[in-house]
Amino acid sequence: MFREGPKEVYDFEKLIEHEGEGIYFHVEPAGKDHVHVLTPDEILDRLHALPDNLLCNLSCVVLPRMTRKRKLFNVYGMQWDKTIYLYPMSTDLRAGDHHVLDDALLKEARQFGATIEQHTNGPVIQWTMETIKAYYLENILIHELGHTFDTKNTSTKDREAYAEWFARKWGRWPKRKPRRSSPKPAGPSA
């Protein structure tokens, strides 16, 4: 038997205008033990900081509820046509408890300030609300926006490479800390 939970849906209409078109928001409750990382206002503030022409292919942002099926995959966001989906996180802000995490994701998580904990089943990413918000705003949101511009690439590999490039170009990535040079050995004293 399939049982649906309550459907509290909040629609925000035309919160942002660009070239005569609006971007709509559809927000569902995040679900038990989950939280939406961003609010529509935070997303709008970030989108307003981008050039208007980058918003021309975006018509909707969805903050959906977490489902059992979505829990099976380690996905933060997705793009479909002119819609971006930003998925909720568990309230403990951990990723990887039930998923194998690839090296690229671990590297990005470190760049945005998350800590990586080693567990018997592999690494787990521990975010703070501040670090996960930055990651969603500057990487996930912009990456998914990049997919809306990619009309040439057909392979998954090429589409992901384009979206990664787009996120690096238009996202505000944390500055890399300069590598510490090893001290030079002292020369002979005079």
Protein backbone atom coordinates (compact mmCIF):
# COMPACT_ATOMS: atom_id res chain seq x y z
CA MET A 1 0.00 0.00 0.00
CA PHE A 2 1.34 3.41 -0.93
CA ARG A 3 0.76 6.16 1.59
CA GLU A 4 1.51 9.79 0.89
CA GLY A 5 2.48 12.26 3.55
CA PRO A 6 1.00 15.73 3.87
CA LYS A 7 1.57 17.92 0.86
CA GLU A 8 2.48 21.33 2.19
CA VAL A 9 3.66 23.07 -0.92
CA TYR A 10 4.72 26.67 -1.09
CA ASP A 11 4.80 28.35 -4.46
CA PHE A 12 6.59 31.64 -4.79
CA GLU A 13 5.58 33.27 -8.03
CA LYS A 14 7.82 35.50 -10.08
CA LEU A 15 10.28 36.32 -7.36
CA ILE A 16 12.90 37.34 -9.87
CA GLU A 17 12.36 39.07 -13.19
CA HIS A 18 14.70 38.92 -16.13
CA GLU A 19 14.02 39.87 -19.71
CA GLY A 20 10.27 39.72 -19.17
CA GLU A 21 10.34 36.22 -17.72
CA GLY A 22 10.17 35.06 -14.11
CA ILE A 23 11.91 32.32 -12.18
CA TYR A 24 9.47 30.33 -10.12
CA PHE A 25 10.19 28.47 -6.89
CA HIS A 26 8.51 25.30 -5.73
CA VAL A 27 9.34 24.34 -2.14
CA GLU A 28 8.23 21.15 -0.41
CA PRO A 29 8.91 20.20 3.21
CA ALA A 30 12.37 18.58 3.32
CA GLY A 31 11.15 15.40 4.99
CA LYS A 32 11.83 13.62 8.24
CA ASP A 33 15.38 14.16 9.52
CA HIS A 34 16.25 16.38 6.54
CA VAL A 35 16.66 20.09 5.96
CA HIS A 36 16.78 22.33 2.92
CA VAL A 37 20.23 23.88 2.80
CA LEU A 38 19.09 27.07 1.07
CA THR A 39 16.05 29.29 1.18
CA PRO A 40 14.49 30.87 -1.90
CA ASP A 41 15.80 34.26 -0.69
CA GLU A 42 19.38 32.97 -0.49
CA ILE A 43 19.09 31.49 -3.98
CA LEU A 44 17.64 34.73 -5.31
CA ASP A 45 20.44 36.79 -3.78
CA ARG A 46 23.00 34.54 -5.49
CA LEU A 47 21.19 34.60 -8.83
CA HIS A 48 20.88 38.40 -8.66
CA ALA A 49 24.68 38.58 -8.41
CA LEU A 50 25.07 36.88 -11.80
CA PRO A 51 24.80 38.66 -15.16
CA ASP A 52 21.17 38.68 -16.40
CA ASN A 53 22.04 36.75 -19.55
CA LEU A 54 23.02 33.72 -17.41
CA LEU A 55 19.43 33.43 -16.17
CA CYS A 56 17.72 33.29 -19.57
CA ASN A 57 17.49 29.47 -19.62
CA LEU A 58 16.22 29.08 -16.05
CA SER A 59 12.51 29.08 -15.31
CA CYS A 60 12.12 27.17 -12.02
CA VAL A 61 14.02 26.14 -8.89
CA VAL A 62 12.60 23.21 -6.93
CA LEU A 63 13.46 22.37 -3.33
CA PRO A 64 11.90 18.88 -3.20
CA ARG A 65 11.31 16.55 -0.28
CA MET A 66 13.72 13.72 0.44
CA THR A 67 12.35 10.36 -0.65
CA ARG A 68 13.56 6.81 -0.03
CA LYS A 69 14.72 6.58 -3.63
CA ARG A 70 16.72 9.82 -3.45
CA LYS A 71 18.44 8.57 -0.29
CA LEU A 72 19.96 5.78 -2.39
CA PHE A 73 22.03 8.26 -4.37
CA ASN A 74 24.58 10.79 -3.21
CA VAL A 75 23.19 13.71 -5.23
CA TYR A 76 23.01 17.34 -4.16
CA GLY A 77 21.27 18.74 -7.20
CA MET A 78 19.96 18.03 -10.67
CA GLN A 79 18.86 19.92 -13.77
CA TRP A 80 16.01 18.99 -16.05
CA ASP A 81 15.26 21.26 -18.99
CA LYS A 82 14.86 24.78 -17.49
CA THR A 83 14.45 23.56 -13.90
CA ILE A 84 17.04 23.12 -11.16
CA TYR A 85 16.42 20.76 -8.25
CA LEU A 86 18.37 21.28 -5.01
CA TYR A 87 17.99 18.29 -2.73
CA PRO A 88 17.79 18.41 1.08
CA MET A 89 20.52 17.13 3.40
CA SER A 90 20.21 15.03 6.52
CA THR A 91 19.92 17.22 9.61
CA ASP A 92 23.31 15.99 10.86
CA LEU A 93 24.83 17.49 7.65
CA ARG A 94 26.77 14.30 6.89
CA ALA A 95 27.29 12.77 3.46
CA GLY A 96 28.68 9.37 2.64
CA ASP A 97 27.33 7.22 5.45
CA HIS A 98 25.73 4.90 2.90
CA HIS A 99 27.54 5.89 -0.29
CA VAL A 100 30.97 5.55 -1.80
CA LEU A 101 32.38 9.05 -2.24
CA ASP A 102 34.67 9.77 -5.15
CA ASP A 103 37.93 11.67 -4.82
CA ALA A 104 36.65 14.73 -6.75
CA LEU A 105 33.75 15.19 -4.30
CA LEU A 106 36.06 14.82 -1.31
CA LYS A 107 38.43 17.42 -2.79
CA GLU A 108 35.57 19.88 -3.41
CA ALA A 109 34.21 19.32 0.10
CA ARG A 110 37.63 20.14 1.59
CA GLN A 111 37.89 23.27 -0.57
CA PHE A 112 34.58 24.50 0.83
CA GLY A 113 35.63 23.82 4.43
CA ALA A 114 34.01 20.46 5.19
CA THR A 115 35.89 17.93 7.25
CA ILE A 116 36.47 14.39 6.05
CA GLU A 117 36.15 11.68 8.68
CA GLN A 118 37.48 8.19 8.08
CA HIS A 119 35.07 5.41 9.01
CA THR A 120 35.25 1.66 8.55
CA ASN A 121 33.04 1.89 5.44
CA GLY A 122 35.10 4.73 3.95
CA PRO A 123 35.22 8.52 4.20
CA VAL A 124 32.28 10.60 5.41
CA ILE A 125 31.90 14.32 4.74
CA GLN A 126 30.89 16.41 7.74
CA TRP A 127 29.54 19.83 6.81
CA THR A 128 28.59 22.79 8.94
CA MET A 129 25.59 24.86 7.87
CA GLU A 130 27.96 27.63 6.78
CA THR A 131 30.13 25.35 4.63
CA ILE A 132 27.24 23.45 3.03
CA LYS A 133 25.45 26.72 2.17
CA ALA A 134 28.60 27.98 0.44
CA TYR A 135 28.95 24.67 -1.42
CA TYR A 136 25.34 24.75 -2.63
CA LEU A 137 25.39 28.45 -3.59
CA GLU A 138 28.77 28.54 -5.31
CA ASN A 139 29.05 25.06 -6.76
CA ILE A 140 25.83 23.05 -6.92
CA LEU A 141 23.48 25.90 -7.97
CA ILE A 142 25.94 27.31 -10.51
CA HIS A 143 26.87 23.83 -11.82
CA GLU A 144 23.20 23.01 -12.45
CA LEU A 145 22.67 26.43 -14.05
CA GLY A 146 25.55 25.55 -16.39
CA HIS A 147 23.65 22.50 -17.61
CA THR A 148 20.88 24.81 -18.85
CA PHE A 149 23.39 26.40 -21.26
CA ASP A 150 24.94 23.20 -22.60
CA THR A 151 23.22 22.52 -25.90
CA LYS A 152 26.18 20.97 -27.73
CA ASN A 153 27.41 18.11 -25.57
CA THR A 154 25.50 14.85 -25.67
CA SER A 155 27.61 12.49 -23.58
CA THR A 156 27.25 12.54 -19.80
CA LYS A 157 31.00 12.95 -19.41
CA ASP A 158 31.11 16.03 -21.67
CA ARG A 159 27.98 17.57 -20.11
CA GLU A 160 29.45 17.19 -16.63
CA ALA A 161 32.78 18.64 -17.76
CA TYR A 162 30.97 21.69 -19.17
CA ALA A 163 28.92 22.19 -15.98
CA GLU A 164 32.10 21.88 -13.87
CA TRP A 165 33.81 24.51 -16.03
CA PHE A 166 30.75 26.77 -15.73
CA ALA A 167 30.72 26.43 -11.93
CA ARG A 168 34.42 27.26 -11.74
CA LYS A 169 33.98 30.28 -14.00
CA TRP A 170 30.86 31.79 -12.36
CA GLY A 171 30.93 30.40 -8.82
CA ARG A 172 32.87 32.06 -6.01
CA TRP A 173 35.19 29.26 -5.05
CA PRO A 174 37.25 29.54 -1.88
CA LYS A 175 40.77 30.71 -2.45
CA ARG A 176 43.31 27.97 -2.18
CA LYS A 177 45.69 28.37 0.66
CA PRO A 178 49.24 28.91 -0.58
CA ARG A 179 51.47 25.93 -0.13
CA ARG A 180 54.04 26.37 2.54
CA SER A 181 57.49 26.10 1.14
CA SER A 182 59.85 23.98 3.12
CA PRO A 183 62.50 25.98 4.95
CA LYS A 184 65.79 26.20 3.15
CA PRO A 185 68.68 24.68 4.97
CA ALA A 186 70.87 27.24 6.60
CA GLY A 187 74.14 27.84 4.83
CA PRO A 188 77.51 27.74 6.52
CA SER A 189 77.97 30.49 9.05
CA ALA A 190 80.55 33.11 8.29
